[in-house]
N, C-alpha and C. Protein backbone atom coordinates (compact mmCIF):
# COMPACT_ATOMS: atom_id res chain seq x y z
N UNK A 1 0.72 -1.18 0.14
CA UNK A 1 0.08 0.11 0.16
C UNK A 1 0.82 1.31 0.06
N UNK A 2 0.48 2.33 -0.90
CA UNK A 2 1.65 3.43 -0.96
C UNK A 2 0.87 4.39 -0.03
N UNK A 3 1.84 5.30 0.34
CA UNK A 3 2.32 6.46 1.58
C UNK A 3 0.48 7.19 1.11
N UNK A 4 0.50 7.59 -0.44
CA UNK A 4 -0.87 8.04 -0.29
C UNK A 4 -1.93 7.48 -0.17
N UNK A 5 -2.07 6.25 -0.59
CA UNK A 5 -3.03 5.14 0.27
C UNK A 5 -3.29 5.12 1.14
N UNK A 6 -2.18 4.84 2.22
CA UNK A 6 -2.04 5.00 3.64
C UNK A 6 -2.91 6.70 4.25
N UNK A 7 -2.06 7.60 3.59
CA UNK A 7 -2.73 8.93 4.19
C UNK A 7 -3.67 8.84 3.83
N UNK A 8 -4.82 8.63 2.47
CA UNK A 8 -6.35 8.70 2.77
C UNK A 8 -7.16 7.81 3.78
N UNK A 9 -6.21 6.41 3.92
CA UNK A 9 -7.59 5.63 4.45
C UNK A 9 -7.74 6.25 6.39
N UNK A 10 -5.70 6.79 6.98
CA UNK A 10 -5.60 7.59 7.59
C UNK A 10 -6.71 8.65 8.19
N UNK A 11 -7.05 9.05 6.96
CA UNK A 11 -7.99 10.53 6.70
C UNK A 11 -9.39 10.06 7.40
N UNK A 12 -9.72 9.18 6.31
CA UNK A 12 -11.33 8.82 6.63
C UNK A 12 -11.39 7.81 8.01
N UNK A 13 -10.34 6.78 8.67
CA UNK A 13 -10.53 6.80 10.08
C UNK A 13 -10.95 8.11 10.77
N UNK A 14 -9.61 8.92 10.75
CA UNK A 14 -10.52 10.09 11.84
C UNK A 14 -11.60 11.14 11.09
N UNK A 15 -12.67 10.31 10.13
CA UNK A 15 -13.80 11.27 9.49
C UNK A 15 -14.89 10.32 9.84
N UNK A 16 -14.25 9.24 9.97
CA UNK A 16 -15.62 8.63 10.22
C UNK A 16 -15.61 8.05 11.85
N UNK A 17 -14.41 8.59 13.26
CA UNK A 17 -15.17 8.92 14.21
C UNK A 17 -15.25 10.52 14.56
N UNK A 18 -15.55 11.05 13.84
CA UNK A 18 -16.00 12.27 13.81
C UNK A 18 -15.67 13.49 13.98
N UNK A 19 -14.08 13.38 13.28
CA UNK A 19 -12.83 14.64 12.80
C UNK A 19 -13.60 14.91 11.87
N UNK A 20 -12.83 16.12 11.48
CA UNK A 20 -12.82 16.79 10.34
C UNK A 20 -11.74 17.05 10.14
N UNK A 21 -11.04 16.74 9.15
CA UNK A 21 -9.96 17.77 9.03
C UNK A 21 -10.07 18.49 7.81
N UNK A 22 -9.62 19.08 7.69
CA UNK A 22 -9.42 20.55 5.90
C UNK A 22 -8.21 21.26 6.19
N UNK A 23 -8.02 21.50 5.13
CA UNK A 23 -6.27 22.19 4.96
C UNK A 23 -7.26 24.12 4.73
N UNK A 24 -6.46 24.91 5.60
CA UNK A 24 -7.27 26.02 5.65
C UNK A 24 -5.64 27.07 5.49
N UNK A 25 -5.87 27.86 4.27
CA UNK A 25 -4.65 28.39 4.38
C UNK A 25 -2.87 28.44 4.51
N UNK A 26 -2.99 27.15 4.46
CA UNK A 26 -1.42 25.95 4.92
C UNK A 26 -1.27 25.35 6.13
N UNK A 27 -2.83 25.29 6.63
CA UNK A 27 -2.48 24.52 8.54
C UNK A 27 -3.56 23.34 8.14
N UNK A 28 -3.03 22.42 8.45
CA UNK A 28 -3.74 21.11 8.89
C UNK A 28 -5.31 21.53 10.15
N UNK A 29 -6.32 21.69 9.83
CA UNK A 29 -6.76 21.54 11.00
C UNK A 29 -7.91 20.55 11.37
N UNK A 30 -8.30 20.21 12.50
CA UNK A 30 -8.64 18.87 12.86
C UNK A 30 -9.72 19.22 13.80
N UNK A 31 -11.16 19.81 13.35
CA UNK A 31 -12.36 20.43 14.25
C UNK A 31 -13.16 18.70 14.86
N UNK A 32 -13.28 18.90 15.95
CA UNK A 32 -14.22 18.01 16.33
C UNK A 32 -16.21 18.11 15.68
N UNK A 33 -16.26 17.47 15.27
CA UNK A 33 -17.52 17.09 15.00
C UNK A 33 -18.76 17.42 15.94
N UNK A 34 -19.72 16.43 15.93
CA UNK A 34 -20.87 16.74 16.67
C UNK A 34 -20.96 15.20 17.86
N UNK A 35 -20.17 14.34 17.00
CA UNK A 35 -19.60 13.31 18.47
C UNK A 35 -18.59 13.05 19.24
N UNK A 36 -18.94 13.20 20.17
CA UNK A 36 -17.82 13.62 21.48
C UNK A 36 -17.04 12.05 21.48
N UNK A 37 -15.96 12.72 21.77
CA UNK A 37 -15.10 11.80 21.19
C UNK A 37 -13.96 12.31 22.67
N UNK A 38 -13.11 11.10 23.33
CA UNK A 38 -13.12 11.02 24.70
C UNK A 38 -11.29 11.72 24.20
N UNK A 39 -10.93 12.69 24.78
CA UNK A 39 -9.58 13.59 24.48
C UNK A 39 -8.37 12.34 24.25
N UNK A 40 -8.52 11.25 24.50
CA UNK A 40 -7.23 10.76 24.43
C UNK A 40 -8.13 10.07 22.94
N UNK A 41 -8.15 9.45 22.78
CA UNK A 41 -9.02 8.94 21.43
C UNK A 41 -8.67 9.92 20.67
N UNK A 42 -8.85 11.17 20.58
CA UNK A 42 -9.08 11.99 19.30
C UNK A 42 -7.55 12.02 19.79
N UNK A 43 -6.37 12.13 20.20
CA UNK A 43 -5.23 12.30 20.45
C UNK A 43 -4.80 11.59 20.15
N UNK A 44 -4.95 9.65 20.19
CA UNK A 44 -4.27 8.94 19.11
C UNK A 44 -5.16 8.67 17.90
N UNK A 45 -5.94 9.36 17.22
CA UNK A 45 -5.99 9.37 16.18
C UNK A 45 -4.89 10.35 15.43
N UNK A 46 -5.40 11.42 16.31
CA UNK A 46 -4.52 13.31 15.17
C UNK A 46 -2.97 12.55 15.26
N UNK A 47 -2.23 11.72 15.73
CA UNK A 47 -1.01 10.69 16.14
C UNK A 47 -0.47 9.88 15.24
N UNK A 48 -1.83 9.15 15.33
CA UNK A 48 -2.45 8.17 13.39
C UNK A 48 -2.20 8.48 12.36
N UNK A 49 -2.34 10.08 12.31
CA UNK A 49 -2.32 10.77 10.91
C UNK A 49 -0.69 10.69 10.44
N UNK A 50 0.07 10.78 11.16
CA UNK A 50 1.47 10.48 10.91
C UNK A 50 2.36 9.45 10.70
N UNK A 51 1.37 8.86 10.70
CA UNK A 51 1.91 7.09 10.65
C UNK A 51 2.78 5.98 11.78
N UNK A 52 3.75 5.96 11.50
CA UNK A 52 4.59 4.88 12.73
C UNK A 52 4.72 6.39 13.43
N UNK A 53 5.05 5.78 14.84
CA UNK A 53 5.39 6.78 16.48
C UNK A 53 7.05 6.83 16.19
N UNK A 54 8.09 5.93 15.01
CA UNK A 54 9.00 6.06 14.69
C UNK A 54 9.78 4.86 16.10
N UNK A 55 10.98 4.84 16.46
CA UNK A 55 12.02 3.74 17.04
C UNK A 55 12.91 4.67 17.89
N UNK A 56 13.38 3.77 18.16
CA UNK A 56 14.67 4.69 18.80
C UNK A 56 15.71 4.43 18.15
N UNK A 57 15.75 3.86 17.25
CA UNK A 57 16.46 3.22 16.43
C UNK A 57 16.46 4.44 14.71
N UNK A 58 15.03 4.74 14.40
CA UNK A 58 14.72 5.25 13.36
C UNK A 58 14.03 5.95 13.82
N UNK A 59 14.37 7.08 14.81
CA UNK A 59 12.74 7.96 14.90
C UNK A 59 12.61 8.78 14.20
N UNK A 60 13.25 9.02 12.37
CA UNK A 60 12.50 9.86 11.61
C UNK A 60 11.36 9.05 10.68
N UNK A 61 11.17 8.31 11.55
CA UNK A 61 10.48 7.72 10.54
C UNK A 61 8.39 8.18 11.65
N UNK A 62 8.30 8.92 12.66
CA UNK A 62 7.55 9.49 13.06
C UNK A 62 7.33 10.42 12.38
N UNK A 63 6.19 10.22 11.86
CA UNK A 63 5.23 11.49 11.31
C UNK A 63 5.51 11.40 9.93
N UNK A 64 6.37 10.34 9.09
CA UNK A 64 6.54 9.88 8.14
C UNK A 64 4.98 10.27 7.06
N UNK A 65 4.02 10.26 7.04
CA UNK A 65 2.81 10.47 6.21
C UNK A 65 2.04 11.78 6.89
N UNK A 66 2.58 12.04 7.79
CA UNK A 66 2.53 13.81 7.58
C UNK A 66 2.25 14.37 6.00
N UNK A 67 3.43 14.91 5.24
CA UNK A 67 3.17 15.09 4.57
C UNK A 67 2.33 14.38 3.12
N UNK A 68 2.08 13.54 3.31
CA UNK A 68 0.95 12.66 2.29
C UNK A 68 -0.30 12.83 2.87
N UNK A 69 -0.48 13.19 3.98
CA UNK A 69 -2.22 13.74 5.07
C UNK A 69 -2.36 15.45 4.66
N UNK A 70 -1.09 16.21 4.22
CA UNK A 70 -1.67 17.17 3.93
C UNK A 70 -1.86 17.68 3.07
N UNK A 71 -0.70 16.56 1.95
CA UNK A 71 -0.90 16.90 0.38
C UNK A 71 -2.86 16.63 0.13
N UNK A 72 -2.73 15.66 0.72
CA UNK A 72 -4.32 15.00 0.26
C UNK A 72 -5.52 16.39 0.65
N UNK A 73 -5.26 16.67 2.35
CA UNK A 73 -5.93 17.59 2.17
C UNK A 73 -5.64 18.87 1.61
N UNK A 74 -5.04 19.60 1.06
CA UNK A 74 -4.44 20.96 -0.16
C UNK A 74 -5.15 19.94 -0.69
N UNK A 75 -5.07 18.92 -1.60
CA UNK A 75 -5.81 18.88 -3.12
C UNK A 75 -7.19 18.66 -3.14
N UNK A 76 -7.54 18.71 -1.40
CA UNK A 76 -9.27 18.21 -1.14
C UNK A 76 -9.89 19.93 -1.42
N UNK A 77 -8.82 20.67 -0.60
CA UNK A 77 -9.29 21.90 -0.13
C UNK A 77 -9.15 22.94 -1.46
N UNK A 78 -8.41 22.53 -2.51
CA UNK A 78 -8.47 23.37 -3.97
C UNK A 78 -9.31 22.48 -4.39
N UNK A 79 -9.86 21.63 -4.87
CA UNK A 79 -10.87 21.29 -5.50
C UNK A 79 -12.02 21.85 -4.77
N UNK A 80 -13.16 21.71 -3.65
CA UNK A 80 -13.31 21.98 -3.52
C UNK A 80 -13.38 23.86 -3.13
N UNK A 81 -12.97 24.40 -3.48
CA UNK A 81 -12.91 26.11 -3.99
C UNK A 81 -13.45 26.10 -5.33
N UNK A 82 -12.42 25.55 -6.41
CA UNK A 82 -12.33 24.98 -7.36
C UNK A 82 -13.62 25.08 -7.90
N UNK A 83 -14.71 24.15 -7.07
CA UNK A 83 -16.31 23.44 -7.51
C UNK A 83 -16.95 24.53 -6.98
N UNK A 84 -16.54 25.25 -5.69
CA UNK A 84 -17.75 26.30 -5.43
C UNK A 84 -17.80 27.49 -6.23
N UNK A 85 -16.25 28.29 -7.00
CA UNK A 85 -15.92 29.85 -7.31
C UNK A 85 -16.10 29.50 -9.17
N UNK A 86 -15.19 28.17 -9.07
CA UNK A 86 -14.79 28.57 -10.77
C UNK A 86 -15.52 27.38 -11.64
N UNK A 87 -16.00 26.70 -11.56
CA UNK A 87 -16.56 25.77 -11.96
C UNK A 87 -17.18 26.65 -13.45
N UNK A 88 -16.95 26.26 -15.20
CA UNK A 88 -17.00 26.43 -15.99
C UNK A 88 -16.18 27.94 -16.82
N UNK A 89 -15.33 28.18 -16.03
CA UNK A 89 -14.37 28.96 -16.44
C UNK A 89 -12.98 28.67 -16.58
N UNK A 90 -12.75 29.26 -17.65
CA UNK A 90 -11.71 28.90 -18.81
C UNK A 90 -10.56 28.56 -17.99
N UNK A 91 -9.40 27.52 -18.35
CA UNK A 91 -7.97 27.60 -17.51
C UNK A 91 -7.14 27.29 -18.75
N UNK A 92 -5.58 27.11 -18.03
CA UNK A 92 -4.67 27.13 -18.89
C UNK A 92 -3.99 26.61 -18.26
N UNK A 93 -3.01 25.31 -19.07
CA UNK A 93 -2.04 24.65 -18.80
C UNK A 93 -0.99 24.67 -19.73
N UNK A 94 0.09 24.46 -19.29
CA UNK A 94 1.43 24.86 -20.05
C UNK A 94 1.34 23.57 -21.10
N UNK A 95 0.59 22.34 -20.62
CA UNK A 95 0.95 21.09 -21.24
C UNK A 95 -0.30 20.80 -22.34
N UNK A 96 -1.29 21.20 -21.92
CA UNK A 96 -2.73 21.17 -22.45
C UNK A 96 -3.25 22.37 -23.11
N UNK A 97 -2.97 22.86 -22.99
CA UNK A 97 -3.56 24.85 -23.30
C UNK A 97 -4.33 25.27 -22.83
N UNK A 98 -5.74 25.70 -23.71
CA UNK A 98 -7.36 26.45 -22.83
C UNK A 98 -7.77 25.55 -22.77
N UNK A 99 -8.70 25.22 -22.05
CA UNK A 99 -9.70 24.52 -21.89
C UNK A 99 -10.47 25.25 -20.72
N UNK A 100 -11.62 24.17 -20.11
CA UNK A 100 -12.48 24.80 -19.76
C UNK A 100 -12.70 24.18 -17.67
N UNK A 101 -12.72 24.52 -16.64
CA UNK A 101 -13.04 23.74 -15.63
C UNK A 101 -14.23 22.92 -15.42
N UNK A 102 -14.67 21.98 -15.53
CA UNK A 102 -15.38 21.02 -16.17
C UNK A 102 -16.33 20.58 -14.41
N UNK A 103 -15.72 19.85 -13.81
CA UNK A 103 -16.06 19.52 -12.42
C UNK A 103 -14.92 19.42 -11.65
N UNK A 104 -15.21 19.32 -9.84
CA UNK A 104 -14.09 18.95 -9.37
C UNK A 104 -14.39 17.90 -8.46
N UNK A 105 -13.14 16.88 -8.12
CA UNK A 105 -13.41 15.77 -7.74
C UNK A 105 -12.58 16.33 -5.77
N UNK A 106 -14.38 16.35 -4.48
CA UNK A 106 -12.83 16.63 -3.22
C UNK A 106 -13.33 15.23 -2.63
N UNK A 107 -13.22 14.08 -3.29
CA UNK A 107 -12.72 13.24 -1.99
C UNK A 107 -11.20 12.55 -2.33
N UNK A 108 -10.73 13.01 -3.56
CA UNK A 108 -9.22 12.52 -4.30
C UNK A 108 -8.52 14.00 -4.10
N UNK A 109 -9.48 14.99 -4.72
CA UNK A 109 -8.30 16.15 -4.83
C UNK A 109 -7.76 16.65 -6.62
N UNK A 110 -8.87 16.04 -7.39
CA UNK A 110 -8.63 16.24 -8.88
C UNK A 110 -9.63 16.97 -9.34
N UNK A 111 -9.08 18.29 -10.55
CA UNK A 111 -10.09 19.15 -10.98
C UNK A 111 -10.29 18.44 -12.54
N UNK A 112 -11.35 18.67 -13.35
CA UNK A 112 -11.66 17.60 -14.67
C UNK A 112 -12.00 18.55 -15.31
N UNK A 113 -10.70 18.90 -15.89
CA UNK A 113 -10.80 20.07 -16.68
C UNK A 113 -11.52 19.33 -18.90
N UNK A 114 -12.04 20.43 -19.52
CA UNK A 114 -12.41 19.67 -20.54
C UNK A 114 -11.54 20.68 -21.38
N UNK A 115 -11.21 19.59 -22.41
CA UNK A 115 -10.15 20.37 -23.87
C UNK A 115 -10.84 20.18 -24.85
N UNK A 116 -10.83 20.66 -26.27
CA UNK A 116 -11.36 20.87 -27.30
C UNK A 116 -10.36 20.22 -27.90
N UNK A 117 -10.45 18.82 -29.04
CA UNK A 117 -9.29 18.10 -29.39
C UNK A 117 -9.99 18.04 -31.44
N UNK A 118 -9.12 17.18 -31.56
CA UNK A 118 -9.56 17.33 -32.68
C UNK A 118 -10.93 16.09 -32.92
N UNK A 119 -10.58 15.05 -32.46
CA UNK A 119 -12.24 14.03 -32.35
C UNK A 119 -12.96 14.83 -31.51
N UNK A 120 -13.50 16.12 -30.77
CA UNK A 120 -14.25 16.49 -30.18
C UNK A 120 -13.69 16.85 -28.57
N UNK A 121 -14.52 16.76 -27.54
CA UNK A 121 -14.46 17.68 -26.45
C UNK A 121 -13.78 16.25 -25.09
N UNK A 122 -12.63 16.57 -24.34
CA UNK A 122 -12.00 14.89 -23.70
C UNK A 122 -12.00 15.56 -22.22
N UNK A 123 -12.00 15.14 -21.57
CA UNK A 123 -12.25 15.80 -20.02
C UNK A 123 -11.49 15.06 -19.64
N UNK A 124 -10.24 15.66 -18.82
CA UNK A 124 -8.53 15.21 -18.03
C UNK A 124 -8.94 15.46 -16.74
N UNK A 125 -8.57 14.22 -15.86
CA UNK A 125 -8.52 14.58 -14.21
C UNK A 125 -7.19 15.38 -14.21
N UNK A 126 -7.11 16.45 -13.20
CA UNK A 126 -5.97 16.96 -13.41
C UNK A 126 -5.41 17.21 -11.58
N UNK A 127 -4.64 16.73 -11.17
CA UNK A 127 -4.45 17.31 -9.66
C UNK A 127 -3.81 18.62 -9.28
N UNK A 128 -4.47 19.73 -8.81
CA UNK A 128 -3.96 20.71 -8.38
C UNK A 128 -2.35 20.71 -8.03
N UNK A 129 -2.17 19.67 -7.38
CA UNK A 129 -0.71 19.99 -6.85
C UNK A 129 0.16 19.35 -7.42
N UNK A 130 -0.18 18.51 -8.72
CA UNK A 130 0.85 18.44 -9.85
C UNK A 130 1.43 19.70 -10.86
N UNK A 131 -0.12 19.75 -11.71
CA UNK A 131 -0.53 20.08 -12.39
C UNK A 131 -0.15 22.32 -12.28
N UNK A 132 0.16 22.73 -13.35
CA UNK A 132 0.25 23.88 -13.71
C UNK A 132 -0.94 24.92 -14.20
N UNK A 133 -1.64 24.74 -13.83
CA UNK A 133 -2.79 25.33 -13.97
C UNK A 133 -3.61 26.65 -14.21
N UNK A 134 -4.15 27.74 -14.57
CA UNK A 134 -4.22 28.93 -14.26
C UNK A 134 -5.94 29.44 -14.49
N UNK A 135 -5.94 29.49 -13.70
CA UNK A 135 -8.35 29.79 -13.85
C UNK A 135 -8.00 31.59 -14.05
N UNK A 136 -8.60 31.95 -15.79
CA UNK A 136 -8.92 32.97 -16.11
C UNK A 136 -10.29 33.28 -15.78
N UNK A 137 -10.73 33.95 -14.38
CA UNK A 137 -11.80 34.08 -14.23
C UNK A 137 -12.82 35.29 -15.52
N UNK A 138 -13.26 34.91 -15.29
CA UNK A 138 -14.47 35.87 -16.64
C UNK A 138 -15.65 36.37 -15.48
N UNK A 139 -15.49 37.17 -14.92
CA UNK A 139 -16.94 38.03 -14.06
C UNK A 139 -17.10 37.71 -15.80
N UNK A 140 -18.76 37.53 -14.78
CA UNK A 140 -20.36 37.27 -15.93
C UNK A 140 -21.01 38.44 -15.58
N UNK A 141 -21.44 39.60 -16.84
CA UNK A 141 -22.53 40.33 -16.02
C UNK A 141 -23.74 39.82 -15.38
N UNK A 142 -24.28 40.40 -14.84
CA UNK A 142 -25.59 40.00 -14.02
C UNK A 142 -26.91 39.97 -15.28
N UNK A 143 -27.40 39.25 -15.25
CA UNK A 143 -28.68 39.16 -16.02
C UNK A 143 -29.55 40.17 -16.04
N UNK A 144 -30.14 40.84 -16.80
CA UNK A 144 -30.64 42.09 -17.14
C UNK A 144 -32.30 41.27 -16.08
N UNK A 145 -32.47 42.51 -15.81
CA UNK A 145 -33.96 41.85 -14.92
C UNK A 145 -35.01 41.95 -16.26
N UNK A 146 -35.80 41.12 -15.73
CA UNK A 146 -37.26 41.15 -16.85
C UNK A 146 -38.16 42.30 -16.38
N UNK A 147 -38.93 42.93 -17.83
CA UNK A 147 -40.07 43.62 -17.35
C UNK A 147 -40.45 43.91 -16.45
N UNK A 148 -40.99 43.18 -15.79
CA UNK A 148 -42.25 42.64 -14.72
C UNK A 148 -41.60 42.62 -13.42
N UNK A 149 -40.01 42.65 -13.50
CA UNK A 149 -39.40 41.94 -12.13
C UNK A 149 -39.28 43.77 -12.33
N UNK A 150 -38.91 44.76 -13.12
CA UNK A 150 -38.26 46.09 -12.59
C UNK A 150 -38.75 46.44 -11.11
N UNK A 151 -38.16 47.28 -10.62
CA UNK A 151 -38.31 47.70 -9.49
C UNK A 151 -39.37 49.37 -10.03
N UNK A 152 -40.19 49.45 -9.55
CA UNK A 152 -40.78 51.38 -10.28
C UNK A 152 -39.59 52.14 -9.86
N UNK A 153 -40.15 52.80 -10.55
CA UNK A 153 -38.64 54.49 -10.37
C UNK A 153 -39.38 55.39 -9.39
N UNK A 154 -38.68 55.66 -8.05
CA UNK A 154 -39.02 57.09 -7.91
C UNK A 154 -39.53 58.16 -8.02
N UNK A 155 -40.33 58.52 -7.48
CA UNK A 155 -40.31 59.56 -8.12
C UNK A 155 -39.35 60.91 -7.60
N UNK A 156 -38.90 62.11 -8.22
CA UNK A 156 -37.28 62.69 -8.24
C UNK A 156 -38.34 63.87 -7.49
N UNK A 157 -37.64 64.57 -6.49
CA UNK A 157 -38.92 65.64 -6.13
C UNK A 157 -38.92 67.26 -7.36
N UNK A 158 -37.94 67.16 -8.08
CA UNK A 158 -38.87 67.86 -9.01
C UNK A 158 -39.84 67.62 -10.28
N UNK A 159 -39.97 66.53 -10.06
CA UNK A 159 -40.70 65.70 -10.44
C UNK A 159 -42.92 65.56 -9.88
N UNK A 160 -42.30 66.02 -8.40
CA UNK A 160 -43.68 66.19 -7.30
C UNK A 160 -44.32 67.45 -7.35
N UNK A 161 -43.13 68.39 -7.67
CA UNK A 161 -42.73 70.10 -7.69
C UNK A 161 -43.91 70.09 -9.19
N UNK A 162 -43.33 69.53 -10.06
CA UNK A 162 -43.99 70.01 -11.68
C UNK A 162 -45.91 69.55 -11.19
N UNK A 163 -45.50 67.96 -10.58
CA UNK A 163 -47.28 67.62 -10.42
C UNK A 163 -47.92 68.52 -9.77
N UNK A 164 -47.67 68.55 -8.35
CA UNK A 164 -48.22 69.82 -7.66
C UNK A 164 -48.61 71.20 -8.19
N UNK A 165 -48.06 71.47 -9.21
CA UNK A 165 -48.17 73.27 -9.35
C UNK A 165 -49.15 72.88 -10.88
N UNK A 166 -49.23 71.33 -11.71
CA UNK A 166 -50.32 71.40 -12.39
C UNK A 166 -51.56 71.22 -12.44
N UNK A 167 -51.49 70.97 -10.83
CA UNK A 167 -53.11 70.84 -10.17
C UNK A 167 -53.74 69.59 -9.82
N UNK A 168 -52.24 68.93 -9.84
CA UNK A 168 -52.51 67.51 -8.48
C UNK A 168 -52.56 67.65 -7.38
N UNK A 169 -53.40 66.33 -6.98
CA UNK A 169 -53.86 66.79 -5.06
C UNK A 169 -53.32 66.37 -4.81
N UNK A 170 -51.63 65.56 -5.22
CA UNK A 170 -50.74 65.06 -4.76
C UNK A 170 -49.93 65.71 -3.28
N UNK A 171 -49.95 65.84 -2.35
CA UNK A 171 -48.41 66.33 -1.56
C UNK A 171 -47.21 65.97 -1.61
N UNK A 172 -46.75 66.20 -0.78
CA UNK A 172 -44.96 65.18 -0.30
C UNK A 172 -45.62 63.82 0.20
N UNK A 173 -46.73 64.02 1.42
CA UNK A 173 -47.08 63.16 2.34
C UNK A 173 -48.08 62.02 1.86
N UNK A 174 -48.31 62.12 0.24
CA UNK A 174 -48.89 61.56 -0.64
C UNK A 174 -50.88 61.96 0.14
N UNK A 175 -51.45 62.37 0.43
CA UNK A 175 -52.66 63.19 1.43
C UNK A 175 -53.14 63.69 0.34
N UNK A 176 -53.77 64.39 0.73
CA UNK A 176 -54.76 65.86 -0.20
C UNK A 176 -54.85 66.91 0.79
N UNK A 177 -54.69 67.73 -0.49
CA UNK A 177 -54.58 69.24 0.25
C UNK A 177 -55.72 70.03 0.79
């Protein structure tokens, strides 16, 4: 079993026990969910994210899994953010050129990019960790309001004065004179 697979398994165990792991602007954060876990069990789960505890002869093996856990959490965070904000936007990669961000898989942290080829459209799964990918965000103009949805224009003070001087019964308060 690879370290990436072990990292995925360690995260899954922690999440199954009610802990929520996330990557927050460079930090690995473990939040306790709704389920109550005793402090010792929680600490053991968090320490287990590092893999082996090391041995007296090989202390450097302690935490050997943490870079892989961090990597997976980072890719998941990037995929979640891409899905939340950038779906449908144009993207560019040096390897593949221009495409469109079609989807994002938050479980493994991959972005699904759609590229036009001579044979049609191809979707490629891209790891945001390894790929150099630029999102060319295009602000989309707000759709115009339909005529029925438009708010009535408020009358300006000059329009009210003109109306009153023309013999209207309206006053500023809306009552009769």
